PDB file of N, CA and C in Angstrom:
ATOM      1  N   MET A   1       0.703  -1.369  -0.098  1.00  0.00           N
ATOM      2  CA  MET A   1       0.030   0.005   0.107  1.00  0.00           C
ATOM      3  C   MET A   1       0.928   1.251  -0.028  1.00  0.00           C
ATOM      4  N   ALA A   2       0.192   2.510  -0.777  1.00  0.00           N
ATOM      5  CA  ALA A   2       1.436   3.487  -0.863  1.00  0.00           C
ATOM      6  C   ALA A   2       1.299   4.361   0.396  1.00  0.00           C
ATOM      7  N   ARG A   3       2.279   5.116   0.690  1.00  0.00           N
ATOM      8  CA  ARG A   3       2.129   5.822   2.058  1.00  0.00           C
ATOM      9  C   ARG A   3       0.988   6.931   1.936  1.00  0.00           C
ATOM     10  N   ASN A   4       0.391   7.557   0.682  1.00  0.00           N
ATOM     11  CA  ASN A   4      -0.708   8.321   0.547  1.00  0.00           C
ATOM     12  C   ASN A   4      -1.924   7.872   0.354  1.00  0.00           C
ATOM     13  N   THR A   5      -2.280   6.639   0.434  1.00  0.00           N
ATOM     14  CA  THR A   5      -3.344   5.925   0.445  1.00  0.00           C
ATOM     15  C   THR A   5      -4.313   6.333   1.321  1.00  0.00           C
ATOM     16  N   ILE A   6      -5.296   6.672   1.079  1.00  0.00           N
ATOM     17  CA  ILE A   6      -6.482   7.623   1.845  1.00  0.00           C
ATOM     18  C   ILE A   6      -7.418   6.110   2.296  1.00  0.00           C
ATOM     19  N   LEU A   7      -7.478   5.937   3.534  1.00  0.00           N
ATOM     20  CA  LEU A   7      -8.031   4.691   3.739  1.00  0.00           C
ATOM     21  C   LEU A   7      -9.589   5.161   4.120  1.00  0.00           C
ATOM     22  N   ASN A   8     -10.123   6.566   4.372  1.00  0.00           N
ATOM     23  CA  ASN A   8     -11.416   6.815   4.694  1.00  0.00           C
ATOM     24  C   ASN A   8     -11.537   7.763   3.567  1.00  0.00           C
ATOM     25  N   PRO A   9     -12.497   7.772   2.769  1.00  0.00           N
ATOM     26  CA  PRO A   9     -12.662   8.542   1.485  1.00  0.00           C
ATOM     27  C   PRO A   9     -13.189  10.270   2.135  1.00  0.00           C
ATOM     28  N   ASN A  10     -13.742  10.179   3.597  1.00  0.00           N
ATOM     29  CA  ASN A  10     -14.242  11.210   4.250  1.00  0.00           C
ATOM     30  C   ASN A  10     -13.066  12.167   4.482  1.00  0.00           C
ATOM     31  N   ALA A  11     -11.785  11.681   4.679  1.00  0.00           N
ATOM     32  CA  ALA A  11     -10.758  11.831   5.221  1.00  0.00           C
ATOM     33  C   ALA A  11     -10.259  13.226   3.969  1.00  0.00           C
ATOM     34  N   ARG A  12     -10.205  12.759   2.985  1.00  0.00           N
ATOM     35  CA  ARG A  12      -9.711  13.868   1.830  1.00  0.00           C
ATOM     36  C   ARG A  12     -10.751  15.322   1.488  1.00  0.00           C
ATOM     37  N   LYS A  13     -12.033  14.876   1.872  1.00  0.00           N
ATOM     38  CA  LYS A  13     -12.804  15.723   1.786  1.00  0.00           C
ATOM     39  C   LYS A  13     -12.521  16.954   3.197  1.00  0.00           C
ATOM     40  N   ALA A  14     -12.526  16.398   4.352  1.00  0.00           N
ATOM     41  CA  ALA A  14     -11.797  16.843   5.522  1.00  0.00           C
ATOM     42  C   ALA A  14     -10.832  17.734   5.418  1.00  0.00           C
ATOM     43  N   LEU A  15      -9.678  17.050   4.788  1.00  0.00           N
ATOM     44  CA  LEU A  15      -8.198  17.939   4.861  1.00  0.00           C
ATOM     45  C   LEU A  15      -8.457  18.837   3.598  1.00  0.00           C
ATOM     46  N   ASP A  16      -8.796  18.730   2.513  1.00  0.00           N
ATOM     47  CA  ASP A  16      -9.300  19.841   1.503  1.00  0.00           C
ATOM     48  C   ASP A  16     -10.302  20.739   1.705  1.00  0.00           C
ATOM     49  N   GLN A  17     -11.035  20.733   3.126  1.00  0.00           N
ATOM     50  CA  GLN A  17     -11.879  21.835   3.633  1.00  0.00           C
ATOM     51  C   GLN A  17     -10.778  22.705   4.255  1.00  0.00           C
ATOM     52  N   PHE A  18     -10.278  21.751   5.253  1.00  0.00           N
ATOM     53  CA  PHE A  18      -9.137  22.501   6.198  1.00  0.00           C
ATOM     54  C   PHE A  18      -7.967  23.405   5.632  1.00  0.00           C
ATOM     55  N   LYS A  19      -7.587  22.471   4.417  1.00  0.00           N
ATOM     56  CA  LYS A  19      -6.695  23.280   3.723  1.00  0.00           C
ATOM     57  C   LYS A  19      -7.400  24.737   3.171  1.00  0.00           C
ATOM     58  N   MET A  20      -8.669  24.676   2.730  1.00  0.00           N
ATOM     59  CA  MET A  20      -9.132  25.962   2.505  1.00  0.00           C
ATOM     60  C   MET A  20      -9.414  26.889   3.204  1.00  0.00           C
ATOM     61  N   GLU A  21      -9.715  26.682   4.532  1.00  0.00           N
ATOM     62  CA  GLU A  21      -9.866  27.468   5.601  1.00  0.00           C
ATOM     63  C   GLU A  21      -8.547  28.006   6.086  1.00  0.00           C
ATOM     64  N   VAL A  22      -7.268  27.253   6.162  1.00  0.00           N
ATOM     65  CA  VAL A  22      -5.940  27.761   6.255  1.00  0.00           C
ATOM     66  C   VAL A  22      -5.624  29.051   5.138  1.00  0.00           C
ATOM     67  N   ALA A  23      -5.974  28.500   3.758  1.00  0.00           N
ATOM     68  CA  ALA A  23      -5.303  29.456   2.800  1.00  0.00           C
ATOM     69  C   ALA A  23      -5.978  30.581   3.137  1.00  0.00           C
ATOM     70  N   ASN A  24      -7.229  30.680   3.246  1.00  0.00           N
ATOM     71  CA  ASN A  24      -8.218  31.777   3.142  1.00  0.00           C
ATOM     72  C   ASN A  24      -7.683  32.900   4.728  1.00  0.00           C
ATOM     73  N   GLN A  25      -7.819  32.131   5.703  1.00  0.00           N
ATOM     74  CA  GLN A  25      -7.051  32.707   6.958  1.00  0.00           C
ATOM     75  C   GLN A  25      -5.417  33.831   6.884  1.00  0.00           C
ATOM     76  N   VAL A  26      -4.601  32.717   5.999  1.00  0.00           N
ATOM     77  CA  VAL A  26      -3.415  33.271   5.748  1.00  0.00           C
ATOM     78  C   VAL A  26      -3.572  34.514   4.398  1.00  0.00           C
ATOM     79  N   GLY A  27      -4.418  34.498   3.880  1.00  0.00           N
ATOM     80  CA  GLY A  27      -4.835  35.393   2.397  1.00  0.00           C
ATOM     81  C   GLY A  27      -4.041  34.467   1.026  1.00  0.00           C
ATOM     82  N   VAL A  28      -4.234  33.303   0.898  1.00  0.00           N
ATOM     83  CA  VAL A  28      -4.014  32.462  -0.297  1.00  0.00           C
ATOM     84  C   VAL A  28      -5.031  32.370  -0.818  1.00  0.00           C
ATOM     85  N   ASP A  29      -5.105  32.940  -2.350  1.00  0.00           N
ATOM     86  CA  ASP A  29      -6.123  32.565  -3.251  1.00  0.00           C
ATOM     87  C   ASP A  29      -6.145  31.049  -3.489  1.00  0.00           C
ATOM     88  N   TYR A  30      -6.560  30.040  -2.890  1.00  0.00           N
ATOM     89  CA  TYR A  30      -6.703  28.783  -3.101  1.00  0.00           C
ATOM     90  C   TYR A  30      -7.842  28.172  -3.823  1.00  0.00           C
ATOM     91  N   ASN A  31      -7.891  28.345  -5.071  1.00  0.00           N
ATOM     92  CA  ASN A  31      -9.337  27.857  -5.676  1.00  0.00           C
ATOM     93  C   ASN A  31      -9.210  26.641  -5.930  1.00  0.00           C
ATOM     94  N   GLN A  32     -10.196  25.859  -5.980  1.00  0.00           N
ATOM     95  CA  GLN A  32     -10.368  24.385  -6.683  1.00  0.00           C
ATOM     96  C   GLN A  32     -10.007  24.361  -7.896  1.00  0.00           C
ATOM     97  N   GLY A  33      -9.144  23.155  -7.820  1.00  0.00           N
ATOM     98  CA  GLY A  33      -8.563  22.490  -9.460  1.00  0.00           C
ATOM     99  C   GLY A  33      -7.088  22.885  -9.285  1.00  0.00           C
ATOM    100  N   TYR A  34      -6.765  23.774 -10.459  1.00  0.00           N
ATOM    101  CA  TYR A  34      -4.921  23.996 -10.618  1.00  0.00           C
ATOM    102  C   TYR A  34      -4.582  24.798  -9.992  1.00  0.00           C
ATOM    103  N   LYS A  35      -3.416  24.510  -9.316  1.00  0.00           N
ATOM    104  CA  LYS A  35      -2.707  25.203  -8.189  1.00  0.00           C
ATOM    105  C   LYS A  35      -1.460  25.416  -8.600  1.00  0.00           C
ATOM    106  N   GLY A  36      -0.962  24.990  -9.882  1.00  0.00           N
ATOM    107  CA  GLY A  36       0.544  25.632 -10.264  1.00  0.00           C
ATOM    108  C   GLY A  36       0.925  26.992 -10.313  1.00  0.00           C
ATOM    109  N   ASN A  37      -0.188  27.544 -10.351  1.00  0.00           N
ATOM    110  CA  ASN A  37       0.187  29.173 -10.722  1.00  0.00           C
ATOM    111  C   ASN A  37       0.275  29.730  -9.203  1.00  0.00           C
ATOM    112  N   ILE A  38       0.467  28.779  -8.305  1.00  0.00           N
ATOM    113  CA  ILE A  38       0.511  29.426  -6.583  1.00  0.00           C
ATOM    114  C   ILE A  38       1.844  29.398  -6.733  1.00  0.00           C
ATOM    115  N   ALA A  39       2.693  30.502  -5.815  1.00  0.00           N
ATOM    116  CA  ALA A  39       3.989  30.051  -5.551  1.00  0.00           C
ATOM    117  C   ALA A  39       4.417  29.268  -4.152  1.00  0.00           C
ATOM    118  N   SER A  40       5.588  28.466  -4.509  1.00  0.00           N
ATOM    119  CA  SER A  40       6.104  27.566  -3.146  1.00  0.00           C
ATOM    120  C   SER A  40       6.044  28.337  -1.911  1.00  0.00           C
ATOM    121  N   ARG A  41       6.359  29.573  -1.711  1.00  0.00           N
ATOM    122  CA  ARG A  41       6.089  30.359  -0.558  1.00  0.00           C
ATOM    123  C   ARG A  41       4.756  30.405   0.250  1.00  0.00           C
ATOM    124  N   ASP A  42       3.603  30.832  -1.038  1.00  0.00           N
ATOM    125  CA  ASP A  42       2.314  30.640  -0.719  1.00  0.00           C
ATOM    126  C   ASP A  42       1.953  29.251  -0.154  1.00  0.00           C
ATOM    127  N   ASN A  43       2.220  28.315  -1.072  1.00  0.00           N
ATOM    128  CA  ASN A  43       1.850  26.728  -0.362  1.00  0.00           C
ATOM    129  C   ASN A  43       2.029  26.478   0.858  1.00  0.00           C
ATOM    130  N   GLY A  44       3.826  26.969   1.059  1.00  0.00           N
ATOM    131  CA  GLY A  44       4.424  26.896   2.764  1.00  0.00           C
ATOM    132  C   GLY A  44       3.903  27.293   3.510  1.00  0.00           C
ATOM    133  N   TYR A  45       2.992  28.639   3.207  1.00  0.00           N
ATOM    134  CA  TYR A  45       2.085  29.370   4.410  1.00  0.00           C
ATOM    135  C   TYR A  45       0.864  28.367   4.520  1.00  0.00           C
ATOM    136  N   VAL A  46       0.556  28.026   3.881  1.00  0.00           N
ATOM    137  CA  VAL A  46      -0.708  27.045   3.963  1.00  0.00           C
ATOM    138  C   VAL A  46      -0.514  25.808   4.610  1.00  0.00           C
ATOM    139  N   GLY A  47       0.605  25.241   4.083  1.00  0.00           N
ATOM    140  CA  GLY A  47       1.099  24.024   4.857  1.00  0.00           C
ATOM    141  C   GLY A  47       1.636  24.433   6.476  1.00  0.00           C
ATOM    142  N   GLY A  48       2.329  25.198   6.467  1.00  0.00           N
ATOM    143  CA  GLY A  48       2.778  25.408   7.765  1.00  0.00           C
ATOM    144  C   GLY A  48       1.586  25.930   8.678  1.00  0.00           C
ATOM    145  N   GLY A  49       0.554  26.766   8.290  1.00  0.00           N
ATOM    146  CA  GLY A  49      -0.571  26.970   9.009  1.00  0.00           C
ATOM    147  C   GLY A  49      -1.498  25.622   9.517  1.00  0.00           C
ATOM    148  N   MET A  50      -1.373  24.772   8.888  1.00  0.00           N
ATOM    149  CA  MET A  50      -2.353  23.675   8.717  1.00  0.00           C
ATOM    150  C   MET A  50      -1.384  22.858   9.923  1.00  0.00           C
ATOM    151  N   THR A  51      -0.152  22.730   9.839  1.00  0.00           N
ATOM    152  CA  THR A  51       0.537  21.968  11.026  1.00  0.00           C
ATOM    153  C   THR A  51       0.588  23.053  12.240  1.00  0.00           C
ATOM    154  N   LYS A  52       0.577  24.158  12.146  1.00  0.00           N
ATOM    155  CA  LYS A  52       0.539  24.948  13.227  1.00  0.00           C
ATOM    156  C   LYS A  52      -0.748  24.348  14.065  1.00  0.00           C
ATOM    157  N   LYS A  53      -2.049  24.392  13.487  1.00  0.00           N
ATOM    158  CA  LYS A  53      -3.479  24.185  14.189  1.00  0.00           C
ATOM    159  C   LYS A  53      -3.296  22.978  14.247  1.00  0.00           C
ATOM    160  N   VAL A  54      -2.752  22.095  13.643  1.00  0.00           N
ATOM    161  CA  VAL A  54      -2.665  20.627  14.251  1.00  0.00           C
ATOM    162  C   VAL A  54      -2.254  20.443  15.747  1.00  0.00           C
ATOM    163  N   TRP A  55      -0.917  21.011  15.883  1.00  0.00           N
ATOM    164  CA  TRP A  55       0.113  20.872  17.187  1.00  0.00           C
ATOM    165  C   TRP A  55      -1.117  21.685  17.776  1.00  0.00           C
ATOM    166  N   GLU A  56      -1.660  22.631  17.790  1.00  0.00           N
ATOM    167  CA  GLU A  56      -2.324  23.324  18.888  1.00  0.00           C
ATOM    168  C   GLU A  56      -3.282  22.888  19.211  1.00  0.00           C
ATOM    169  N   GLN A  57      -4.123  21.572  18.372  1.00  0.00           N
ATOM    170  CA  GLN A  57      -5.190  21.080  18.883  1.00  0.00           C
ATOM    171  C   GLN A  57      -4.889  19.745  19.600  1.00  0.00           C
ATOM    172  N   TYR A  58      -3.325  19.153  19.311  1.00  0.00           N
ATOM    173  CA  TYR A  58      -3.035  18.224  19.982  1.00  0.00           C
ATOM    174  C   TYR A  58      -2.399  18.495  21.635  1.00  0.00           C
ATOM    175  N   GLU A  59      -1.808  19.938  21.606  1.00  0.00           N
ATOM    176  CA  GLU A  59      -1.450  20.330  22.561  1.00  0.00           C
ATOM    177  C   GLU A  59      -2.600  20.865  23.948  1.00  0.00           C
ATOM    178  N   ASN A  60      -3.724  21.310  23.008  1.00  0.00           N
ATOM    179  CA  ASN A  60      -5.069  21.419  23.822  1.00  0.00           C
ATOM    180  C   ASN A  60      -5.347  20.134  24.467  1.00  0.00           C
ATOM    181  N   SER A  61      -5.573  19.246  23.730  1.00  0.00           N
ATOM    182  CA  SER A  61      -6.086  17.744  23.925  1.00  0.00           C
ATOM    183  C   SER A  61      -5.193  17.121  25.199  1.00  0.00           C
ATOM    184  N   ILE A  62      -3.795  17.118  25.134  1.00  0.00           N
ATOM    185  CA  ILE A  62      -3.167  16.684  26.489  1.00  0.00           C
ATOM    186  C   ILE A  62      -3.268  17.550  27.592  1.00  0.00           C
ATOM    187  N   ALA A  63      -3.297  18.841  27.413  1.00  0.00           N
ATOM    188  CA  ALA A  63      -3.238  19.885  28.541  1.00  0.00           C
ATOM    189  C   ALA A  63      -4.576  19.705  29.294  1.00  0.00           C
ATOM    190  N   GLY A  64      -5.911  19.081  28.696  1.00  0.00           N
ATOM    191  CA  GLY A  64      -7.165  19.104  29.275  1.00  0.00           C
ATOM    192  C   GLY A  64      -7.113  17.711  29.957  1.00  0.00           C
ATOM    193  N   ARG A  65      -6.143  16.596  29.746  1.00  0.00           N
ATOM    194  CA  ARG A  65      -6.115  15.409  30.623  1.00  0.00           C
ATOM    195  C   ARG A  65      -6.009  15.720  31.911  1.00  0.00           C
TER     196      ARG A  65
END
């Protein structure tokens, strides 16, 4: 099985929605479809924002134990 295989089809939708939300928050025009015109730096902002939010949620979950 490939490492990027989605085991839960709903996970892809949720990740795409999460990506769009973060892109809007950091001001990146992240339209549906082709994204080849988006700079690597902007894609990095989106990925970094997603990572930051995931870590915040994790830290909040372990702090509440």
